Amino acid sequence: MSEGPVLRIYKYGRRTELHRDASEQGYGAVLLQEAEDGKLHPIYYMSKKTSPAEEKYASYELVVLAIITALKNISPILFGSTFQGSHRLFSISEDHT
């Protein structure tokens, strides 16, 4: 683990992507951000084993669950930021209702 992807600190204003994957066994996500070298580096990792109930979810539901779980954990650092996930742009902002 001394080599390979090392977590970096999030820097506002840089290109950021959320990648996710899911299966009956579990789901996960990684938040990547472009660094000075032009490469994407990990900012955050998340993975979780599916519960017996979640194992029955359709694949697209598990993908959405991975996205929601990741966003719940990383939303404080992303408020007001734009980032890319699955080739579409997302924007997170505070709910003032």
PDB file of N, CA and C in Angstrom:
ATOM      1  N   MET A   1       0.811  -1.197   0.000  1.00  0.00           N
ATOM      2  CA  MET A   1       0.000   0.000   0.000  1.00  0.00           C
ATOM      3  C   MET A   1       0.854   1.260   0.000  1.00  0.00           C
ATOM      4  N   SER A   2       2.154   1.147   0.020  1.00  0.00           N
ATOM      5  CA  SER A   2       2.987   2.346  -0.009  1.00  0.00           C
ATOM      6  C   SER A   2       3.048   2.946  -1.408  1.00  0.00           C
ATOM      7  N   GLU A   3       2.653   2.179  -2.404  1.00  0.00           N
ATOM      8  CA  GLU A   3       2.599   2.683  -3.770  1.00  0.00           C
ATOM      9  C   GLU A   3       1.168   2.579  -4.267  1.00  0.00           C
ATOM     10  N   GLY A   4       0.933   3.059  -5.448  1.00  0.00           N
ATOM     11  CA  GLY A   4      -0.420   2.995  -5.984  1.00  0.00           C
ATOM     12  C   GLY A   4      -1.216   4.214  -5.578  1.00  0.00           C
ATOM     13  N   PRO A   5      -2.518   4.190  -5.817  1.00  0.00           N
ATOM     14  CA  PRO A   5      -3.332   5.374  -5.518  1.00  0.00           C
ATOM     15  C   PRO A   5      -3.351   5.716  -4.031  1.00  0.00           C
ATOM     16  N   VAL A   6      -2.965   6.927  -3.721  1.00  0.00           N
ATOM     17  CA  VAL A   6      -3.000   7.428  -2.349  1.00  0.00           C
ATOM     18  C   VAL A   6      -4.072   8.515  -2.305  1.00  0.00           C
ATOM     19  N   LEU A   7      -4.886   8.508  -1.253  1.00  0.00           N
ATOM     20  CA  LEU A   7      -5.936   9.521  -1.139  1.00  0.00           C
ATOM     21  C   LEU A   7      -5.342  10.921  -1.108  1.00  0.00           C
ATOM     22  N   ARG A   8      -5.988  11.818  -1.806  1.00  0.00           N
ATOM     23  CA  ARG A   8      -5.573  13.215  -1.829  1.00  0.00           C
ATOM     24  C   ARG A   8      -6.630  14.066  -1.142  1.00  0.00           C
ATOM     25  N   ILE A   9      -6.274  15.278  -0.825  1.00  0.00           N
ATOM     26  CA  ILE A   9      -7.212  16.218  -0.218  1.00  0.00           C
ATOM     27  C   ILE A   9      -8.023  16.883  -1.329  1.00  0.00           C
ATOM     28  N   TYR A  10      -9.329  17.021  -1.108  1.00  0.00           N
ATOM     29  CA  TYR A  10     -10.211  17.653  -2.080  1.00  0.00           C
ATOM     30  C   TYR A  10      -9.827  19.118  -2.260  1.00  0.00           C
ATOM     31  N   LYS A  11      -9.781  19.558  -3.519  1.00  0.00           N
ATOM     32  CA  LYS A  11      -9.469  20.952  -3.834  1.00  0.00           C
ATOM     33  C   LYS A  11     -10.609  21.517  -4.672  1.00  0.00           C
ATOM     34  N   TYR A  12     -11.261  22.526  -4.129  1.00  0.00           N
ATOM     35  CA  TYR A  12     -12.414  23.140  -4.778  1.00  0.00           C
ATOM     36  C   TYR A  12     -12.034  23.695  -6.147  1.00  0.00           C
ATOM     37  N   GLY A  13     -12.921  23.502  -7.110  1.00  0.00           N
ATOM     38  CA  GLY A  13     -12.738  24.081  -8.432  1.00  0.00           C
ATOM     39  C   GLY A  13     -12.072  23.172  -9.443  1.00  0.00           C
ATOM     40  N   ARG A  14     -11.627  22.002  -9.030  1.00  0.00           N
ATOM     41  CA  ARG A  14     -10.990  21.085  -9.970  1.00  0.00           C
ATOM     42  C   ARG A  14     -12.001  20.068 -10.485  1.00  0.00           C
ATOM     43  N   ARG A  15     -11.732  19.537 -11.683  1.00  0.00           N
ATOM     44  CA  ARG A  15     -12.608  18.512 -12.261  1.00  0.00           C
ATOM     45  C   ARG A  15     -12.688  17.327 -11.308  1.00  0.00           C
ATOM     46  N   THR A  16     -13.914  16.913 -10.995  1.00  0.00           N
ATOM     47  CA  THR A  16     -14.160  15.847 -10.033  1.00  0.00           C
ATOM     48  C   THR A  16     -15.167  14.871 -10.616  1.00  0.00           C
ATOM     49  N   GLU A  17     -14.897  13.579 -10.464  1.00  0.00           N
ATOM     50  CA  GLU A  17     -15.783  12.548 -10.985  1.00  0.00           C
ATOM     51  C   GLU A  17     -16.138  11.547  -9.897  1.00  0.00           C
ATOM     52  N   LEU A  18     -17.375  11.069  -9.935  1.00  0.00           N
ATOM     53  CA  LEU A  18     -17.826  10.011  -9.040  1.00  0.00           C
ATOM     54  C   LEU A  18     -18.043   8.758  -9.878  1.00  0.00           C
ATOM     55  N   HIS A  19     -17.272   7.709  -9.598  1.00  0.00           N
ATOM     56  CA  HIS A  19     -17.418   6.430 -10.284  1.00  0.00           C
ATOM     57  C   HIS A  19     -18.043   5.453  -9.301  1.00  0.00           C
ATOM     58  N   ARG A  20     -18.931   4.595  -9.793  1.00  0.00           N
ATOM     59  CA  ARG A  20     -19.617   3.658  -8.908  1.00  0.00           C
ATOM     60  C   ARG A  20     -19.791   2.322  -9.604  1.00  0.00           C
ATOM     61  N   ASP A  21     -20.040   1.284  -8.799  1.00  0.00           N
ATOM     62  CA  ASP A  21     -20.323  -0.041  -9.319  1.00  0.00           C
ATOM     63  C   ASP A  21     -21.141  -0.779  -8.279  1.00  0.00           C
ATOM     64  N   ALA A  22     -21.873  -1.796  -8.727  1.00  0.00           N
ATOM     65  CA  ALA A  22     -22.717  -2.537  -7.799  1.00  0.00           C
ATOM     66  C   ALA A  22     -22.980  -3.938  -8.333  1.00  0.00           C
ATOM     67  N   SER A  23     -23.199  -4.861  -7.414  1.00  0.00           N
ATOM     68  CA  SER A  23     -23.597  -6.229  -7.743  1.00  0.00           C
ATOM     69  C   SER A  23     -24.436  -6.759  -6.589  1.00  0.00           C
ATOM     70  N   GLU A  24     -24.908  -7.993  -6.706  1.00  0.00           N
ATOM     71  CA  GLU A  24     -25.693  -8.590  -5.621  1.00  0.00           C
ATOM     72  C   GLU A  24     -24.891  -8.678  -4.327  1.00  0.00           C
ATOM     73  N   GLN A  25     -23.586  -8.795  -4.426  1.00  0.00           N
ATOM     74  CA  GLN A  25     -22.741  -8.953  -3.243  1.00  0.00           C
ATOM     75  C   GLN A  25     -22.414  -7.637  -2.540  1.00  0.00           C
ATOM     76  N   GLY A  26     -22.403  -6.541  -3.282  1.00  0.00           N
ATOM     77  CA  GLY A  26     -22.051  -5.268  -2.662  1.00  0.00           C
ATOM     78  C   GLY A  26     -22.026  -4.139  -3.672  1.00  0.00           C
ATOM     79  N   TYR A  27     -21.727  -2.950  -3.168  1.00  0.00           N
ATOM     80  CA  TYR A  27     -21.665  -1.775  -4.028  1.00  0.00           C
ATOM     81  C   TYR A  27     -20.596  -0.830  -3.492  1.00  0.00           C
ATOM     82  N   GLY A  28     -20.144   0.050  -4.362  1.00  0.00           N
ATOM     83  CA  GLY A  28     -19.104   0.974  -3.938  1.00  0.00           C
ATOM     84  C   GLY A  28     -18.985   2.155  -4.876  1.00  0.00           C
ATOM     85  N   ALA A  29     -18.150   3.094  -4.460  1.00  0.00           N
ATOM     86  CA  ALA A  29     -17.926   4.297  -5.257  1.00  0.00           C
ATOM     87  C   ALA A  29     -16.548   4.854  -4.931  1.00  0.00           C
ATOM     88  N   VAL A  30     -16.020   5.616  -5.866  1.00  0.00           N
ATOM     89  CA  VAL A  30     -14.768   6.330  -5.649  1.00  0.00           C
ATOM     90  C   VAL A  30     -14.936   7.731  -6.228  1.00  0.00           C
ATOM     91  N   LEU A  31     -14.505   8.726  -5.465  1.00  0.00           N
ATOM     92  CA  LEU A  31     -14.508  10.109  -5.924  1.00  0.00           C
ATOM     93  C   LEU A  31     -13.093  10.422  -6.383  1.00  0.00           C
ATOM     94  N   LEU A  32     -12.974  10.847  -7.627  1.00  0.00           N
ATOM     95  CA  LEU A  32     -11.673  11.149  -8.222  1.00  0.00           C
ATOM     96  C   LEU A  32     -11.608  12.630  -8.561  1.00  0.00           C
ATOM     97  N   GLN A  33     -10.390  13.182  -8.477  1.00  0.00           N
ATOM     98  CA  GLN A  33     -10.212  14.594  -8.815  1.00  0.00           C
ATOM     99  C   GLN A  33      -8.932  14.765  -9.617  1.00  0.00           C
ATOM    100  N   GLU A  34      -9.014  15.648 -10.612  1.00  0.00           N
ATOM    101  CA  GLU A  34      -7.858  15.920 -11.458  1.00  0.00           C
ATOM    102  C   GLU A  34      -6.825  16.728 -10.674  1.00  0.00           C
ATOM    103  N   ALA A  35      -5.580  16.283 -10.728  1.00  0.00           N
ATOM    104  CA  ALA A  35      -4.486  16.955 -10.024  1.00  0.00           C
ATOM    105  C   ALA A  35      -3.652  17.777 -11.009  1.00  0.00           C
ATOM    106  N   GLU A  36      -2.604  18.375 -10.492  1.00  0.00           N
ATOM    107  CA  GLU A  36      -1.719  19.214 -11.305  1.00  0.00           C
ATOM    108  C   GLU A  36      -1.126  18.446 -12.478  1.00  0.00           C
ATOM    109  N   ASP A  37      -0.937  17.133 -12.304  1.00  0.00           N
ATOM    110  CA  ASP A  37      -0.339  16.319 -13.363  1.00  0.00           C
ATOM    111  C   ASP A  37      -1.348  15.936 -14.447  1.00  0.00           C
ATOM    112  N   GLY A  38      -2.610  16.389 -14.310  1.00  0.00           N
ATOM    113  CA  GLY A  38      -3.636  16.102 -15.296  1.00  0.00           C
ATOM    114  C   GLY A  38      -4.304  14.747 -15.128  1.00  0.00           C
ATOM    115  N   LYS A  39      -3.862  13.976 -14.139  1.00  0.00           N
ATOM    116  CA  LYS A  39      -4.426  12.645 -13.896  1.00  0.00           C
ATOM    117  C   LYS A  39      -5.473  12.711 -12.793  1.00  0.00           C
ATOM    118  N   LEU A  40      -6.398  11.747 -12.840  1.00  0.00           N
ATOM    119  CA  LEU A  40      -7.407  11.638 -11.792  1.00  0.00           C
ATOM    120  C   LEU A  40      -6.837  10.857 -10.616  1.00  0.00           C
ATOM    121  N   HIS A  41      -6.993  11.405  -9.416  1.00  0.00           N
ATOM    122  CA  HIS A  41      -6.502  10.767  -8.193  1.00  0.00           C
ATOM    123  C   HIS A  41      -7.669  10.595  -7.222  1.00  0.00           C
ATOM    124  N   PRO A  42      -7.660   9.516  -6.419  1.00  0.00           N
ATOM    125  CA  PRO A  42      -8.771   9.275  -5.493  1.00  0.00           C
ATOM    126  C   PRO A  42      -8.804  10.272  -4.343  1.00  0.00           C
ATOM    127  N   ILE A  43     -10.014  10.703  -4.021  1.00  0.00           N
ATOM    128  CA  ILE A  43     -10.273  11.589  -2.890  1.00  0.00           C
ATOM    129  C   ILE A  43     -11.007  10.815  -1.798  1.00  0.00           C
ATOM    130  N   TYR A  44     -11.838   9.838  -2.226  1.00  0.00           N
ATOM    131  CA  TYR A  44     -12.718   9.125  -1.296  1.00  0.00           C
ATOM    132  C   TYR A  44     -13.066   7.761  -1.883  1.00  0.00           C
ATOM    133  N   TYR A  45     -13.038   6.735  -1.032  1.00  0.00           N
ATOM    134  CA  TYR A  45     -13.491   5.393  -1.400  1.00  0.00           C
ATOM    135  C   TYR A  45     -14.649   5.002  -0.501  1.00  0.00           C
ATOM    136  N   MET A  46     -15.588   4.223  -1.028  1.00  0.00           N
ATOM    137  CA  MET A  46     -16.690   3.706  -0.230  1.00  0.00           C
ATOM    138  C   MET A  46     -17.074   2.341  -0.782  1.00  0.00           C
ATOM    139  N   SER A  47     -17.294   1.372   0.114  1.00  0.00           N
ATOM    140  CA  SER A  47     -17.840   0.085  -0.306  1.00  0.00           C
ATOM    141  C   SER A  47     -18.690  -0.476   0.820  1.00  0.00           C
ATOM    142  N   LYS A  48     -19.661  -1.284   0.436  1.00  0.00           N
ATOM    143  CA  LYS A  48     -20.568  -1.853   1.425  1.00  0.00           C
ATOM    144  C   LYS A  48     -21.105  -3.173   0.909  1.00  0.00           C
ATOM    145  N   LYS A  49     -21.211  -4.140   1.798  1.00  0.00           N
ATOM    146  CA  LYS A  49     -21.828  -5.420   1.470  1.00  0.00           C
ATOM    147  C   LYS A  49     -23.338  -5.227   1.464  1.00  0.00           C
ATOM    148  N   THR A  50     -24.011  -5.838   0.511  1.00  0.00           N
ATOM    149  CA  THR A  50     -25.460  -5.717   0.462  1.00  0.00           C
ATOM    150  C   THR A  50     -26.108  -6.517   1.589  1.00  0.00           C
ATOM    151  N   SER A  51     -27.204  -6.002   2.083  1.00  0.00           N
ATOM    152  CA  SER A  51     -27.998  -6.713   3.092  1.00  0.00           C
ATOM    153  C   SER A  51     -28.838  -7.772   2.367  1.00  0.00           C
ATOM    154  N   PRO A  52     -29.426  -8.712   3.102  1.00  0.00           N
ATOM    155  CA  PRO A  52     -30.296  -9.699   2.444  1.00  0.00           C
ATOM    156  C   PRO A  52     -31.419  -9.042   1.623  1.00  0.00           C
ATOM    157  N   ALA A  53     -31.982  -7.961   2.109  1.00  0.00           N
ATOM    158  CA  ALA A  53     -33.032  -7.265   1.355  1.00  0.00           C
ATOM    159  C   ALA A  53     -32.457  -6.609   0.099  1.00  0.00           C
ATOM    160  N   GLU A  54     -31.280  -5.980   0.219  1.00  0.00           N
ATOM    161  CA  GLU A  54     -30.662  -5.295  -0.921  1.00  0.00           C
ATOM    162  C   GLU A  54     -30.241  -6.273  -2.010  1.00  0.00           C
ATOM    163  N   GLU A  55     -29.926  -7.516  -1.644  1.00  0.00           N
ATOM    164  CA  GLU A  55     -29.542  -8.524  -2.637  1.00  0.00           C
ATOM    165  C   GLU A  55     -30.651  -8.755  -3.659  1.00  0.00           C
ATOM    166  N   LYS A  56     -31.880  -8.433  -3.308  1.00  0.00           N
ATOM    167  CA  LYS A  56     -33.033  -8.625  -4.195  1.00  0.00           C
ATOM    168  C   LYS A  56     -33.265  -7.426  -5.117  1.00  0.00           C
ATOM    169  N   TYR A  57     -32.536  -6.334  -4.918  1.00  0.00           N
ATOM    170  CA  TYR A  57     -32.706  -5.136  -5.738  1.00  0.00           C
ATOM    171  C   TYR A  57     -32.266  -5.411  -7.175  1.00  0.00           C
ATOM    172  N   ALA A  58     -32.862  -4.706  -8.112  1.00  0.00           N
ATOM    173  CA  ALA A  58     -32.406  -4.734  -9.500  1.00  0.00           C
ATOM    174  C   ALA A  58     -31.044  -4.043  -9.579  1.00  0.00           C
ATOM    175  N   SER A  59     -30.292  -4.341 -10.626  1.00  0.00           N
ATOM    176  CA  SER A  59     -28.937  -3.782 -10.730  1.00  0.00           C
ATOM    177  C   SER A  59     -28.946  -2.255 -10.731  1.00  0.00           C
ATOM    178  N   TYR A  60     -29.896  -1.638 -11.434  1.00  0.00           N
ATOM    179  CA  TYR A  60     -29.933  -0.173 -11.465  1.00  0.00           C
ATOM    180  C   TYR A  60     -30.252   0.402 -10.089  1.00  0.00           C
ATOM    181  N   GLU A  61     -31.044  -0.316  -9.279  1.00  0.00           N
ATOM    182  CA  GLU A  61     -31.343   0.154  -7.926  1.00  0.00           C
ATOM    183  C   GLU A  61     -30.095   0.112  -7.049  1.00  0.00           C
ATOM    184  N   LEU A  62     -29.264  -0.910  -7.242  1.00  0.00           N
ATOM    185  CA  LEU A  62     -28.017  -0.996  -6.477  1.00  0.00           C
ATOM    186  C   LEU A  62     -27.049   0.115  -6.875  1.00  0.00           C
ATOM    187  N   VAL A  63     -27.024   0.452  -8.157  1.00  0.00           N
ATOM    188  CA  VAL A  63     -26.169   1.555  -8.612  1.00  0.00           C
ATOM    189  C   VAL A  63     -26.632   2.860  -7.977  1.00  0.00           C
ATOM    190  N   VAL A  64     -27.935   3.099  -7.964  1.00  0.00           N
ATOM    191  CA  VAL A  64     -28.474   4.305  -7.333  1.00  0.00           C
ATOM    192  C   VAL A  64     -28.160   4.302  -5.843  1.00  0.00           C
ATOM    193  N   LEU A  65     -28.261   3.144  -5.203  1.00  0.00           N
ATOM    194  CA  LEU A  65     -27.927   3.033  -3.785  1.00  0.00           C
ATOM    195  C   LEU A  65     -26.459   3.386  -3.541  1.00  0.00           C
ATOM    196  N   ALA A  66     -25.574   2.943  -4.424  1.00  0.00           N
ATOM    197  CA  ALA A  66     -24.153   3.290  -4.304  1.00  0.00           C
ATOM    198  C   ALA A  66     -23.958   4.800  -4.410  1.00  0.00           C
ATOM    199  N   ILE A  67     -24.635   5.427  -5.356  1.00  0.00           N
ATOM    200  CA  ILE A  67     -24.514   6.876  -5.538  1.00  0.00           C
ATOM    201  C   ILE A  67     -25.045   7.620  -4.318  1.00  0.00           C
ATOM    202  N   ILE A  68     -26.223   7.235  -3.853  1.00  0.00           N
ATOM    203  CA  ILE A  68     -26.824   7.911  -2.699  1.00  0.00           C
ATOM    204  C   ILE A  68     -25.956   7.755  -1.459  1.00  0.00           C
ATOM    205  N   THR A  69     -25.463   6.544  -1.216  1.00  0.00           N
ATOM    206  CA  THR A  69     -24.620   6.307  -0.040  1.00  0.00           C
ATOM    207  C   THR A  69     -23.349   7.147  -0.109  1.00  0.00           C
ATOM    208  N   ALA A  70     -22.720   7.186  -1.276  1.00  0.00           N
ATOM    209  CA  ALA A  70     -21.504   7.991  -1.429  1.00  0.00           C
ATOM    210  C   ALA A  70     -21.807   9.473  -1.222  1.00  0.00           C
ATOM    211  N   LEU A  71     -22.875   9.968  -1.834  1.00  0.00           N
ATOM    212  CA  LEU A  71     -23.200  11.389  -1.719  1.00  0.00           C
ATOM    213  C   LEU A  71     -23.545  11.794  -0.294  1.00  0.00           C
ATOM    214  N   LYS A  72     -24.177  10.905   0.456  1.00  0.00           N
ATOM    215  CA  LYS A  72     -24.469  11.215   1.862  1.00  0.00           C
ATOM    216  C   LYS A  72     -23.180  11.455   2.641  1.00  0.00           C
ATOM    217  N   ASN A  73     -22.141  10.707   2.304  1.00  0.00           N
ATOM    218  CA  ASN A  73     -20.877  10.828   3.029  1.00  0.00           C
ATOM    219  C   ASN A  73     -20.009  11.979   2.547  1.00  0.00           C
ATOM    220  N   ILE A  74     -20.086  12.313   1.274  1.00  0.00           N
ATOM    221  CA  ILE A  74     -19.183  13.340   0.738  1.00  0.00           C
ATOM    222  C   ILE A  74     -19.864  14.671   0.471  1.00  0.00           C
ATOM    223  N   SER A  75     -21.173  14.756   0.651  1.00  0.00           N
ATOM    224  CA  SER A  75     -21.878  16.000   0.321  1.00  0.00           C
ATOM    225  C   SER A  75     -21.349  17.230   1.049  1.00  0.00           C
ATOM    226  N   PRO A  76     -20.888  17.135   2.309  1.00  0.00           N
ATOM    227  CA  PRO A  76     -20.379  18.356   2.954  1.00  0.00           C
ATOM    228  C   PRO A  76     -19.219  19.017   2.206  1.00  0.00           C
ATOM    229  N   ILE A  77     -18.360  18.228   1.583  1.00  0.00           N
ATOM    230  CA  ILE A  77     -17.233  18.840   0.871  1.00  0.00           C
ATOM    231  C   ILE A  77     -17.609  19.261  -0.540  1.00  0.00           C
ATOM    232  N   LEU A  78     -18.742  18.778  -1.042  1.00  0.00           N
ATOM    233  CA  LEU A  78     -19.111  19.066  -2.420  1.00  0.00           C
ATOM    234  C   LEU A  78     -20.168  20.146  -2.580  1.00  0.00           C
ATOM    235  N   PHE A  79     -20.717  20.685  -1.489  1.00  0.00           N
ATOM    236  CA  PHE A  79     -21.755  21.708  -1.620  1.00  0.00           C
ATOM    237  C   PHE A  79     -21.274  22.833  -2.518  1.00  0.00           C
ATOM    238  N   GLY A  80     -22.062  23.135  -3.540  1.00  0.00           N
ATOM    239  CA  GLY A  80     -21.738  24.207  -4.465  1.00  0.00           C
ATOM    240  C   GLY A  80     -20.785  23.804  -5.567  1.00  0.00           C
ATOM    241  N   SER A  81     -20.307  22.570  -5.547  1.00  0.00           N
ATOM    242  CA  SER A  81     -19.373  22.099  -6.565  1.00  0.00           C
ATOM    243  C   SER A  81     -20.125  21.407  -7.688  1.00  0.00           C
ATOM    244  N   THR A  82     -19.532  21.387  -8.854  1.00  0.00           N
ATOM    245  CA  THR A  82     -20.044  20.605  -9.970  1.00  0.00           C
ATOM    246  C   THR A  82     -19.064  19.471 -10.191  1.00  0.00           C
ATOM    247  N   PHE A  83     -19.601  18.266 -10.367  1.00  0.00           N
ATOM    248  CA  PHE A  83     -18.730  17.137 -10.636  1.00  0.00           C
ATOM    249  C   PHE A  83     -19.393  16.224 -11.638  1.00  0.00           C
ATOM    250  N   GLN A  84     -18.614  15.343 -12.226  1.00  0.00           N
ATOM    251  CA  GLN A  84     -19.112  14.478 -13.281  1.00  0.00           C
ATOM    252  C   GLN A  84     -19.283  13.065 -12.754  1.00  0.00           C
ATOM    253  N   GLY A  85     -20.340  12.417 -13.198  1.00  0.00           N
ATOM    254  CA  GLY A  85     -20.578  11.019 -12.888  1.00  0.00           C
ATOM    255  C   GLY A  85     -21.320  10.390 -14.047  1.00  0.00           C
ATOM    256  N   SER A  86     -20.820   9.329 -14.581  1.00  0.00           N
ATOM    257  CA  SER A  86     -21.457   8.639 -15.709  1.00  0.00           C
ATOM    258  C   SER A  86     -21.716   9.573 -16.888  1.00  0.00           C
ATOM    259  N   HIS A  87     -20.774  10.432 -17.184  1.00  0.00           N
ATOM    260  CA  HIS A  87     -20.805  11.321 -18.341  1.00  0.00           C
ATOM    261  C   HIS A  87     -21.898  12.383 -18.280  1.00  0.00           C
ATOM    262  N   ARG A  88     -22.427  12.640 -17.103  1.00  0.00           N
ATOM    263  CA  ARG A  88     -23.414  13.705 -16.927  1.00  0.00           C
ATOM    264  C   ARG A  88     -22.992  14.546 -15.736  1.00  0.00           C
ATOM    265  N   LEU A  89     -23.313  15.807 -15.785  1.00  0.00           N
ATOM    266  CA  LEU A  89     -22.923  16.696 -14.697  1.00  0.00           C
ATOM    267  C   LEU A  89     -23.979  16.717 -13.602  1.00  0.00           C
ATOM    268  N   PHE A  90     -23.516  16.727 -12.365  1.00  0.00           N
ATOM    269  CA  PHE A  90     -24.373  16.841 -11.194  1.00  0.00           C
ATOM    270  C   PHE A  90     -23.989  18.123 -10.477  1.00  0.00           C
ATOM    271  N   SER A  91     -24.904  18.690  -9.744  1.00  0.00           N
ATOM    272  CA  SER A  91     -24.600  19.837  -8.907  1.00  0.00           C
ATOM    273  C   SER A  91     -25.247  19.616  -7.553  1.00  0.00           C
ATOM    274  N   ILE A  92     -24.498  19.839  -6.490  1.00  0.00           N
ATOM    275  CA  ILE A  92     -25.017  19.671  -5.138  1.00  0.00           C
ATOM    276  C   ILE A  92     -25.089  21.039  -4.497  1.00  0.00           C
ATOM    277  N   SER A  93     -26.232  21.365  -3.937  1.00  0.00           N
ATOM    278  CA  SER A  93     -26.359  22.632  -3.228  1.00  0.00           C
ATOM    279  C   SER A  93     -27.147  22.407  -1.953  1.00  0.00           C
ATOM    280  N   GLU A  94     -27.011  23.333  -1.023  1.00  0.00           N
ATOM    281  CA  GLU A  94     -27.710  23.208   0.247  1.00  0.00           C
ATOM    282  C   GLU A  94     -29.200  23.421   0.045  1.00  0.00           C
ATOM    283  N   ASP A  95     -29.998  22.704   0.828  1.00  0.00           N
ATOM    284  CA  ASP A  95     -31.449  22.849   0.790  1.00  0.00           C
ATOM    285  C   ASP A  95     -31.835  23.923   1.793  1.00  0.00           C
ATOM    286  N   HIS A  96     -32.372  25.037   1.314  1.00  0.00           N
ATOM    287  CA  HIS A  96     -32.728  26.157   2.183  1.00  0.00           C
ATOM    288  C   HIS A  96     -34.223  26.210   2.479  1.00  0.00           C
ATOM    289  N   THR A  97     -34.910  25.072   2.346  1.00  0.00           N
ATOM    290  CA  THR A  97     -36.359  25.072   2.596  1.00  0.00           C
ATOM    291  C   THR A  97     -36.666  24.874   4.052  1.00  0.00           C
TER     292      THR A  97
END
